[in-house]
Amino acid sequence: MVAIDHSNLGKQLNKVEAASRIAKNSIKAGLDDRGQATVEYAIVGLVLLAVIMGLVAIADRLEEGLFVEHAADSASHSAGPNTMGVIGDVLLY
């Protein structure tokens, strides 16, 4: 027959009881983090959805040629005697 040493059993039981008390107290104090992953997932999902919608909006504008049209209109307004100075300012920025 195998002899079982029960001298450490009391210490281990005290550790388990202490851990149980800490867990119960944290739940009572509102420190329960069971829903944290769900909230994080929802926030990341909304941010990802916003980024995708922004990329789709930019792609639509590029397809319609609105950016090129705006650039051409802006370039025609800045052409003049100071054009080289403006280009130099842009390149040196």
PDB file of N, CA and C in Angstrom:
ATOM      1  N   MET A   1       0.837  -1.168   0.000  1.00  0.00           N
ATOM      2  CA  MET A   1       0.000   0.000   0.000  1.00  0.00           C
ATOM      3  C   MET A   1       0.890   1.243   0.000  1.00  0.00           C
ATOM      4  N   VAL A   2       0.438   2.292  -0.710  1.00  0.00           N
ATOM      5  CA  VAL A   2       1.195   3.530  -0.839  1.00  0.00           C
ATOM      6  C   VAL A   2       0.753   4.500   0.248  1.00  0.00           C
ATOM      7  N   ALA A   3       1.715   5.073   0.906  1.00  0.00           N
ATOM      8  CA  ALA A   3       1.405   6.053   1.949  1.00  0.00           C
ATOM      9  C   ALA A   3       1.251   7.431   1.326  1.00  0.00           C
ATOM     10  N   ILE A   4       0.219   8.133   1.676  1.00  0.00           N
ATOM     11  CA  ILE A   4      -0.046   9.473   1.134  1.00  0.00           C
ATOM     12  C   ILE A   4       0.306  10.492   2.209  1.00  0.00           C
ATOM     13  N   ASP A   5       1.090  11.483   1.804  1.00  0.00           N
ATOM     14  CA  ASP A   5       1.506  12.537   2.728  1.00  0.00           C
ATOM     15  C   ASP A   5       0.454  13.647   2.710  1.00  0.00           C
ATOM     16  N   HIS A   6      -0.236  13.830   3.787  1.00  0.00           N
ATOM     17  CA  HIS A   6      -1.291  14.830   3.869  1.00  0.00           C
ATOM     18  C   HIS A   6      -0.824  16.130   4.518  1.00  0.00           C
ATOM     19  N   SER A   7       0.457  16.316   4.693  1.00  0.00           N
ATOM     20  CA  SER A   7       0.941  17.512   5.384  1.00  0.00           C
ATOM     21  C   SER A   7       0.764  18.770   4.529  1.00  0.00           C
ATOM     22  N   ASN A   8       0.854  18.649   3.202  1.00  0.00           N
ATOM     23  CA  ASN A   8       0.709  19.819   2.333  1.00  0.00           C
ATOM     24  C   ASN A   8      -0.730  20.043   1.886  1.00  0.00           C
ATOM     25  N   LEU A   9      -1.602  19.114   2.196  1.00  0.00           N
ATOM     26  CA  LEU A   9      -2.985  19.215   1.756  1.00  0.00           C
ATOM     27  C   LEU A   9      -3.676  20.456   2.316  1.00  0.00           C
ATOM     28  N   GLY A  10      -3.420  20.784   3.554  1.00  0.00           N
ATOM     29  CA  GLY A  10      -4.028  21.968   4.170  1.00  0.00           C
ATOM     30  C   GLY A  10      -3.563  23.256   3.513  1.00  0.00           C
ATOM     31  N   LYS A  11      -2.275  23.331   3.172  1.00  0.00           N
ATOM     32  CA  LYS A  11      -1.744  24.541   2.514  1.00  0.00           C
ATOM     33  C   LYS A  11      -2.344  24.712   1.124  1.00  0.00           C
ATOM     34  N   GLN A  12      -2.468  23.608   0.387  1.00  0.00           N
ATOM     35  CA  GLN A  12      -3.038  23.684  -0.958  1.00  0.00           C
ATOM     36  C   GLN A  12      -4.505  24.074  -0.898  1.00  0.00           C
ATOM     37  N   LEU A  13      -5.225  23.548   0.072  1.00  0.00           N
ATOM     38  CA  LEU A  13      -6.628  23.889   0.228  1.00  0.00           C
ATOM     39  C   LEU A  13      -6.794  25.370   0.565  1.00  0.00           C
ATOM     40  N   ASN A  14      -5.914  25.907   1.382  1.00  0.00           N
ATOM     41  CA  ASN A  14      -5.965  27.332   1.706  1.00  0.00           C
ATOM     42  C   ASN A  14      -5.707  28.198   0.477  1.00  0.00           C
ATOM     43  N   LYS A  15      -4.793  27.767  -0.390  1.00  0.00           N
ATOM     44  CA  LYS A  15      -4.521  28.512  -1.624  1.00  0.00           C
ATOM     45  C   LYS A  15      -5.736  28.522  -2.543  1.00  0.00           C
ATOM     46  N   VAL A  16      -6.400  27.384  -2.670  1.00  0.00           N
ATOM     47  CA  VAL A  16      -7.598  27.298  -3.510  1.00  0.00           C
ATOM     48  C   VAL A  16      -8.702  28.181  -2.946  1.00  0.00           C
ATOM     49  N   GLU A  17      -8.895  28.161  -1.633  1.00  0.00           N
ATOM     50  CA  GLU A  17      -9.921  29.004  -1.021  1.00  0.00           C
ATOM     51  C   GLU A  17      -9.608  30.481  -1.196  1.00  0.00           C
ATOM     52  N   ALA A  18      -8.340  30.852  -1.103  1.00  0.00           N
ATOM     53  CA  ALA A  18      -7.949  32.253  -1.293  1.00  0.00           C
ATOM     54  C   ALA A  18      -8.209  32.688  -2.724  1.00  0.00           C
ATOM     55  N   ALA A  19      -7.884  31.840  -3.689  1.00  0.00           N
ATOM     56  CA  ALA A  19      -8.134  32.175  -5.091  1.00  0.00           C
ATOM     57  C   ALA A  19      -9.623  32.321  -5.356  1.00  0.00           C
ATOM     58  N   SER A  20     -10.412  31.462  -4.749  1.00  0.00           N
ATOM     59  CA  SER A  20     -11.864  31.540  -4.907  1.00  0.00           C
ATOM     60  C   SER A  20     -12.409  32.842  -4.329  1.00  0.00           C
ATOM     61  N   ARG A  21     -11.907  33.254  -3.167  1.00  0.00           N
ATOM     62  CA  ARG A  21     -12.349  34.518  -2.557  1.00  0.00           C
ATOM     63  C   ARG A  21     -11.974  35.705  -3.432  1.00  0.00           C
ATOM     64  N   ILE A  22     -10.769  35.674  -3.995  1.00  0.00           N
ATOM     65  CA  ILE A  22     -10.337  36.780  -4.857  1.00  0.00           C
ATOM     66  C   ILE A  22     -11.237  36.872  -6.088  1.00  0.00           C
ATOM     67  N   ALA A  23     -11.562  35.723  -6.680  1.00  0.00           N
ATOM     68  CA  ALA A  23     -12.429  35.725  -7.863  1.00  0.00           C
ATOM     69  C   ALA A  23     -13.815  36.262  -7.527  1.00  0.00           C
ATOM     70  N   LYS A  24     -14.372  35.838  -6.410  1.00  0.00           N
ATOM     71  CA  LYS A  24     -15.694  36.317  -6.014  1.00  0.00           C
ATOM     72  C   LYS A  24     -15.681  37.813  -5.730  1.00  0.00           C
ATOM     73  N   ASN A  25     -14.636  38.294  -5.066  1.00  0.00           N
ATOM     74  CA  ASN A  25     -14.542  39.725  -4.750  1.00  0.00           C
ATOM     75  C   ASN A  25     -14.368  40.560  -6.008  1.00  0.00           C
ATOM     76  N   SER A  26     -13.634  40.059  -7.001  1.00  0.00           N
ATOM     77  CA  SER A  26     -13.444  40.837  -8.225  1.00  0.00           C
ATOM     78  C   SER A  26     -14.743  40.935  -9.006  1.00  0.00           C
ATOM     79  N   ILE A  27     -15.550  39.892  -8.976  1.00  0.00           N
ATOM     80  CA  ILE A  27     -16.848  39.938  -9.656  1.00  0.00           C
ATOM     81  C   ILE A  27     -17.769  40.926  -8.946  1.00  0.00           C
ATOM     82  N   LYS A  28     -17.753  40.918  -7.617  1.00  0.00           N
ATOM     83  CA  LYS A  28     -18.582  41.857  -6.860  1.00  0.00           C
ATOM     84  C   LYS A  28     -18.150  43.297  -7.102  1.00  0.00           C
ATOM     85  N   ALA A  29     -16.850  43.513  -7.305  1.00  0.00           N
ATOM     86  CA  ALA A  29     -16.330  44.866  -7.483  1.00  0.00           C
ATOM     87  C   ALA A  29     -16.503  45.358  -8.915  1.00  0.00           C
ATOM     88  N   GLY A  30     -17.061  44.537  -9.804  1.00  0.00           N
ATOM     89  CA  GLY A  30     -17.255  44.952 -11.181  1.00  0.00           C
ATOM     90  C   GLY A  30     -16.022  44.761 -12.035  1.00  0.00           C
ATOM     91  N   LEU A  31     -15.139  43.899 -11.627  1.00  0.00           N
ATOM     92  CA  LEU A  31     -13.906  43.667 -12.375  1.00  0.00           C
ATOM     93  C   LEU A  31     -14.016  42.449 -13.270  1.00  0.00           C
ATOM     94  N   ASP A  32     -15.201  42.020 -13.563  1.00  0.00           N
ATOM     95  CA  ASP A  32     -15.408  40.854 -14.408  1.00  0.00           C
ATOM     96  C   ASP A  32     -15.111  41.241 -15.848  1.00  0.00           C
ATOM     97  N   ASP A  33     -14.238  40.500 -16.517  1.00  0.00           N
ATOM     98  CA  ASP A  33     -13.839  40.851 -17.883  1.00  0.00           C
ATOM     99  C   ASP A  33     -14.307  39.822 -18.902  1.00  0.00           C
ATOM    100  N   ARG A  34     -15.429  39.171 -18.627  1.00  0.00           N
ATOM    101  CA  ARG A  34     -15.922  38.155 -19.556  1.00  0.00           C
ATOM    102  C   ARG A  34     -16.402  38.764 -20.868  1.00  0.00           C
ATOM    103  N   GLY A  35     -16.891  39.987 -20.881  1.00  0.00           N
ATOM    104  CA  GLY A  35     -17.397  40.600 -22.104  1.00  0.00           C
ATOM    105  C   GLY A  35     -16.393  41.488 -22.811  1.00  0.00           C
ATOM    106  N   GLN A  36     -15.173  41.541 -22.318  1.00  0.00           N
ATOM    107  CA  GLN A  36     -14.171  42.443 -22.885  1.00  0.00           C
ATOM    108  C   GLN A  36     -13.847  42.080 -24.334  1.00  0.00           C
ATOM    109  N   ALA A  37     -13.677  40.816 -24.620  1.00  0.00           N
ATOM    110  CA  ALA A  37     -13.325  40.393 -25.977  1.00  0.00           C
ATOM    111  C   ALA A  37     -14.440  40.744 -26.959  1.00  0.00           C
ATOM    112  N   THR A  38     -15.685  40.615 -26.532  1.00  0.00           N
ATOM    113  CA  THR A  38     -16.806  40.945 -27.405  1.00  0.00           C
ATOM    114  C   THR A  38     -16.823  42.432 -27.732  1.00  0.00           C
ATOM    115  N   VAL A  39     -16.564  43.258 -26.744  1.00  0.00           N
ATOM    116  CA  VAL A  39     -16.543  44.707 -26.966  1.00  0.00           C
ATOM    117  C   VAL A  39     -15.384  45.084 -27.884  1.00  0.00           C
ATOM    118  N   GLU A  40     -14.220  44.498 -27.652  1.00  0.00           N
ATOM    119  CA  GLU A  40     -13.069  44.776 -28.515  1.00  0.00           C
ATOM    120  C   GLU A  40     -13.349  44.346 -29.946  1.00  0.00           C
ATOM    121  N   TYR A  41     -13.969  43.190 -30.120  1.00  0.00           N
ATOM    122  CA  TYR A  41     -14.295  42.693 -31.452  1.00  0.00           C
ATOM    123  C   TYR A  41     -15.266  43.636 -32.149  1.00  0.00           C
ATOM    124  N   ALA A  42     -16.245  44.149 -31.421  1.00  0.00           N
ATOM    125  CA  ALA A  42     -17.219  45.074 -32.005  1.00  0.00           C
ATOM    126  C   ALA A  42     -16.550  46.375 -32.434  1.00  0.00           C
ATOM    127  N   ILE A  43     -15.653  46.901 -31.609  1.00  0.00           N
ATOM    128  CA  ILE A  43     -14.973  48.154 -31.944  1.00  0.00           C
ATOM    129  C   ILE A  43     -14.087  47.968 -33.173  1.00  0.00           C
ATOM    130  N   VAL A  44     -13.307  46.894 -33.194  1.00  0.00           N
ATOM    131  CA  VAL A  44     -12.431  46.638 -34.337  1.00  0.00           C
ATOM    132  C   VAL A  44     -13.252  46.407 -35.600  1.00  0.00           C
ATOM    133  N   GLY A  45     -14.370  45.717 -35.461  1.00  0.00           N
ATOM    134  CA  GLY A  45     -15.242  45.481 -36.613  1.00  0.00           C
ATOM    135  C   GLY A  45     -15.794  46.775 -37.188  1.00  0.00           C
ATOM    136  N   LEU A  46     -16.211  47.700 -36.318  1.00  0.00           N
ATOM    137  CA  LEU A  46     -16.730  48.983 -36.794  1.00  0.00           C
ATOM    138  C   LEU A  46     -15.650  49.818 -37.471  1.00  0.00           C
ATOM    139  N   VAL A  47     -14.446  49.804 -36.918  1.00  0.00           N
ATOM    140  CA  VAL A  47     -13.339  50.549 -37.528  1.00  0.00           C
ATOM    141  C   VAL A  47     -13.008  49.961 -38.900  1.00  0.00           C
ATOM    142  N   LEU A  48     -12.965  48.643 -38.988  1.00  0.00           N
ATOM    143  CA  LEU A  48     -12.681  47.994 -40.267  1.00  0.00           C
ATOM    144  C   LEU A  48     -13.758  48.316 -41.293  1.00  0.00           C
ATOM    145  N   LEU A  49     -15.004  48.306 -40.876  1.00  0.00           N
ATOM    146  CA  LEU A  49     -16.108  48.650 -41.775  1.00  0.00           C
ATOM    147  C   LEU A  49     -15.985  50.097 -42.258  1.00  0.00           C
ATOM    148  N   ALA A  50     -15.611  51.007 -41.385  1.00  0.00           N
ATOM    149  CA  ALA A  50     -15.447  52.409 -41.777  1.00  0.00           C
ATOM    150  C   ALA A  50     -14.306  52.576 -42.778  1.00  0.00           C
ATOM    151  N   VAL A  51     -13.214  51.860 -42.572  1.00  0.00           N
ATOM    152  CA  VAL A  51     -12.082  51.938 -43.501  1.00  0.00           C
ATOM    153  C   VAL A  51     -12.481  51.400 -44.870  1.00  0.00           C
ATOM    154  N   ILE A  52     -13.192  50.284 -44.891  1.00  0.00           N
ATOM    155  CA  ILE A  52     -13.624  49.703 -46.169  1.00  0.00           C
ATOM    156  C   ILE A  52     -14.576  50.650 -46.891  1.00  0.00           C
ATOM    157  N   MET A  53     -15.502  51.252 -46.156  1.00  0.00           N
ATOM    158  CA  MET A  53     -16.435  52.195 -46.786  1.00  0.00           C
ATOM    159  C   MET A  53     -15.696  53.421 -47.328  1.00  0.00           C
ATOM    160  N   GLY A  54     -14.689  53.890 -46.614  1.00  0.00           N
ATOM    161  CA  GLY A  54     -13.889  55.014 -47.098  1.00  0.00           C
ATOM    162  C   GLY A  54     -13.128  54.664 -48.364  1.00  0.00           C
ATOM    163  N   LEU A  55     -12.567  53.470 -48.408  1.00  0.00           N
ATOM    164  CA  LEU A  55     -11.845  53.046 -49.613  1.00  0.00           C
ATOM    165  C   LEU A  55     -12.782  52.906 -50.810  1.00  0.00           C
ATOM    166  N   VAL A  56     -13.979  52.411 -50.569  1.00  0.00           N
ATOM    167  CA  VAL A  56     -14.964  52.298 -51.646  1.00  0.00           C
ATOM    168  C   VAL A  56     -15.354  53.692 -52.150  1.00  0.00           C
ATOM    169  N   ALA A  57     -15.537  54.642 -51.250  1.00  0.00           N
ATOM    170  CA  ALA A  57     -15.899  56.008 -51.652  1.00  0.00           C
ATOM    171  C   ALA A  57     -14.779  56.644 -52.479  1.00  0.00           C
ATOM    172  N   ILE A  58     -13.536  56.441 -52.057  1.00  0.00           N
ATOM    173  CA  ILE A  58     -12.405  56.986 -52.820  1.00  0.00           C
ATOM    174  C   ILE A  58     -12.313  56.325 -54.188  1.00  0.00           C
ATOM    175  N   ALA A  59     -12.540  55.015 -54.245  1.00  0.00           N
ATOM    176  CA  ALA A  59     -12.497  54.305 -55.529  1.00  0.00           C
ATOM    177  C   ALA A  59     -13.577  54.818 -56.476  1.00  0.00           C
ATOM    178  N   ASP A  60     -14.767  55.104 -55.949  1.00  0.00           N
ATOM    179  CA  ASP A  60     -15.838  55.663 -56.791  1.00  0.00           C
ATOM    180  C   ASP A  60     -15.443  57.020 -57.356  1.00  0.00           C
ATOM    181  N   ARG A  61     -14.849  57.863 -56.520  1.00  0.00           N
ATOM    182  CA  ARG A  61     -14.447  59.195 -56.991  1.00  0.00           C
ATOM    183  C   ARG A  61     -13.330  59.091 -58.029  1.00  0.00           C
ATOM    184  N   LEU A  62     -12.418  58.158 -57.834  1.00  0.00           N
ATOM    185  CA  LEU A  62     -11.352  57.979 -58.822  1.00  0.00           C
ATOM    186  C   LEU A  62     -11.918  57.487 -60.149  1.00  0.00           C
ATOM    187  N   GLU A  63     -12.896  56.608 -60.073  1.00  0.00           N
ATOM    188  CA  GLU A  63     -13.501  56.069 -61.297  1.00  0.00           C
ATOM    189  C   GLU A  63     -14.256  57.156 -62.056  1.00  0.00           C
ATOM    190  N   GLU A  64     -14.905  58.047 -61.335  1.00  0.00           N
ATOM    191  CA  GLU A  64     -15.642  59.141 -61.975  1.00  0.00           C
ATOM    192  C   GLU A  64     -14.716  60.222 -62.522  1.00  0.00           C
ATOM    193  N   GLY A  65     -13.471  60.233 -62.089  1.00  0.00           N
ATOM    194  CA  GLY A  65     -12.518  61.217 -62.564  1.00  0.00           C
ATOM    195  C   GLY A  65     -12.606  62.552 -61.852  1.00  0.00           C
ATOM    196  N   LEU A  66     -13.236  62.603 -60.689  1.00  0.00           N
ATOM    197  CA  LEU A  66     -13.395  63.870 -59.985  1.00  0.00           C
ATOM    198  C   LEU A  66     -12.068  64.412 -59.466  1.00  0.00           C
ATOM    199  N   PHE A  67     -11.170  63.531 -59.039  1.00  0.00           N
ATOM    200  CA  PHE A  67      -9.873  63.990 -58.541  1.00  0.00           C
ATOM    201  C   PHE A  67      -9.041  64.603 -59.665  1.00  0.00           C
ATOM    202  N   VAL A  68      -9.073  63.981 -60.824  1.00  0.00           N
ATOM    203  CA  VAL A  68      -8.308  64.497 -61.962  1.00  0.00           C
ATOM    204  C   VAL A  68      -8.890  65.826 -62.427  1.00  0.00           C
ATOM    205  N   GLU A  69     -10.213  65.899 -62.450  1.00  0.00           N
ATOM    206  CA  GLU A  69     -10.870  67.151 -62.847  1.00  0.00           C
ATOM    207  C   GLU A  69     -10.525  68.282 -61.884  1.00  0.00           C
ATOM    208  N   HIS A  70     -10.556  68.001 -60.603  1.00  0.00           N
ATOM    209  CA  HIS A  70     -10.225  69.011 -59.596  1.00  0.00           C
ATOM    210  C   HIS A  70      -8.761  69.442 -59.715  1.00  0.00           C
ATOM    211  N   ALA A  71      -7.885  68.492 -59.967  1.00  0.00           N
ATOM    212  CA  ALA A  71      -6.469  68.821 -60.126  1.00  0.00           C
ATOM    213  C   ALA A  71      -6.245  69.689 -61.358  1.00  0.00           C
ATOM    214  N   ALA A  72      -6.943  69.389 -62.441  1.00  0.00           N
ATOM    215  CA  ALA A  72      -6.798  70.194 -63.662  1.00  0.00           C
ATOM    216  C   ALA A  72      -7.324  71.610 -63.442  1.00  0.00           C
ATOM    217  N   ASP A  73      -8.463  71.740 -62.775  1.00  0.00           N
ATOM    218  CA  ASP A  73      -8.999  73.072 -62.486  1.00  0.00           C
ATOM    219  C   ASP A  73      -8.049  73.861 -61.595  1.00  0.00           C
ATOM    220  N   SER A  74      -7.492  73.219 -60.598  1.00  0.00           N
ATOM    221  CA  SER A  74      -6.566  73.905 -59.694  1.00  0.00           C
ATOM    222  C   SER A  74      -5.288  74.309 -60.408  1.00  0.00           C
ATOM    223  N   ALA A  75      -4.812  73.466 -61.300  1.00  0.00           N
ATOM    224  CA  ALA A  75      -3.577  73.770 -62.021  1.00  0.00           C
ATOM    225  C   ALA A  75      -3.785  74.939 -62.971  1.00  0.00           C
ATOM    226  N   SER A  76      -4.960  75.036 -63.574  1.00  0.00           N
ATOM    227  CA  SER A  76      -5.195  76.134 -64.508  1.00  0.00           C
ATOM    228  C   SER A  76      -5.297  77.473 -63.781  1.00  0.00           C
ATOM    229  N   HIS A  77      -5.730  77.474 -62.537  1.00  0.00           N
ATOM    230  CA  HIS A  77      -5.822  78.722 -61.783  1.00  0.00           C
ATOM    231  C   HIS A  77      -4.462  79.198 -61.290  1.00  0.00           C
ATOM    232  N   SER A  78      -3.535  78.283 -61.101  1.00  0.00           N
ATOM    233  CA  SER A  78      -2.242  78.694 -60.565  1.00  0.00           C
ATOM    234  C   SER A  78      -1.216  78.978 -61.660  1.00  0.00           C
ATOM    235  N   ALA A  79      -1.568  78.753 -62.920  1.00  0.00           N
ATOM    236  CA  ALA A  79      -0.622  79.033 -64.011  1.00  0.00           C
ATOM    237  C   ALA A  79      -0.562  80.541 -64.236  1.00  0.00           C
ATOM    238  N   GLY A  80       0.626  81.064 -64.278  1.00  0.00           N
ATOM    239  CA  GLY A  80       0.806  82.490 -64.489  1.00  0.00           C
ATOM    240  C   GLY A  80       2.270  82.847 -64.374  1.00  0.00           C
ATOM    241  N   PRO A  81       2.549  84.126 -64.176  1.00  0.00           N
ATOM    242  CA  PRO A  81       3.942  84.550 -64.118  1.00  0.00           C
ATOM    243  C   PRO A  81       4.699  83.983 -62.910  1.00  0.00           C
ATOM    244  N   ASN A  82       3.995  83.622 -61.871  1.00  0.00           N
ATOM    245  CA  ASN A  82       4.641  83.102 -60.670  1.00  0.00           C
ATOM    246  C   ASN A  82       4.674  81.580 -60.625  1.00  0.00           C
ATOM    247  N   THR A  83       4.397  80.922 -61.730  1.00  0.00           N
ATOM    248  CA  THR A  83       4.277  79.468 -61.737  1.00  0.00           C
ATOM    249  C   THR A  83       5.553  78.793 -61.263  1.00  0.00           C
ATOM    250  N   MET A  84       6.688  79.265 -61.703  1.00  0.00           N
ATOM    251  CA  MET A  84       7.944  78.639 -61.300  1.00  0.00           C
ATOM    252  C   MET A  84       8.180  78.807 -59.794  1.00  0.00           C
ATOM    253  N   GLY A  85       7.797  79.917 -59.248  1.00  0.00           N
ATOM    254  CA  GLY A  85       7.919  80.117 -57.810  1.00  0.00           C
ATOM    255  C   GLY A  85       7.024  79.175 -57.029  1.00  0.00           C
ATOM    256  N   VAL A  86       5.807  78.972 -57.525  1.00  0.00           N
ATOM    257  CA  VAL A  86       4.872  78.050 -56.871  1.00  0.00           C
ATOM    258  C   VAL A  86       5.399  76.630 -56.933  1.00  0.00           C
ATOM    259  N   ILE A  87       5.915  76.237 -58.090  1.00  0.00           N
ATOM    260  CA  ILE A  87       6.465  74.886 -58.247  1.00  0.00           C
ATOM    261  C   ILE A  87       7.673  74.700 -57.330  1.00  0.00           C
ATOM    262  N   GLY A  88       8.496  75.715 -57.231  1.00  0.00           N
ATOM    263  CA  GLY A  88       9.654  75.645 -56.333  1.00  0.00           C
ATOM    264  C   GLY A  88       9.218  75.511 -54.888  1.00  0.00           C
ATOM    265  N   ASP A  89       8.198  76.251 -54.493  1.00  0.00           N
ATOM    266  CA  ASP A  89       7.694  76.143 -53.116  1.00  0.00           C
ATOM    267  C   ASP A  89       7.161  74.738 -52.825  1.00  0.00           C
ATOM    268  N   VAL A  90       6.435  74.182 -53.794  1.00  0.00           N
ATOM    269  CA  VAL A  90       5.878  72.844 -53.606  1.00  0.00           C
ATOM    270  C   VAL A  90       6.991  71.819 -53.496  1.00  0.00           C
ATOM    271  N   LEU A  91       7.980  71.904 -54.364  1.00  0.00           N
ATOM    272  CA  LEU A  91       9.071  70.916 -54.351  1.00  0.00           C
ATOM    273  C   LEU A  91       9.954  71.066 -53.124  1.00  0.00           C
ATOM    274  N   LEU A  92      10.120  72.276 -52.620  1.00  0.00           N
ATOM    275  CA  LEU A  92      10.952  72.481 -51.451  1.00  0.00           C
ATOM    276  C   LEU A  92      10.232  72.215 -50.147  1.00  0.00           C
ATOM    277  N   TYR A  93       8.932  72.048 -50.191  1.00  0.00           N
ATOM    278  CA  TYR A  93       8.176  71.759 -48.980  1.00  0.00           C
ATOM    279  C   TYR A  93       8.480  70.368 -48.545  1.00  0.00           C
TER     280      TYR A  93
END
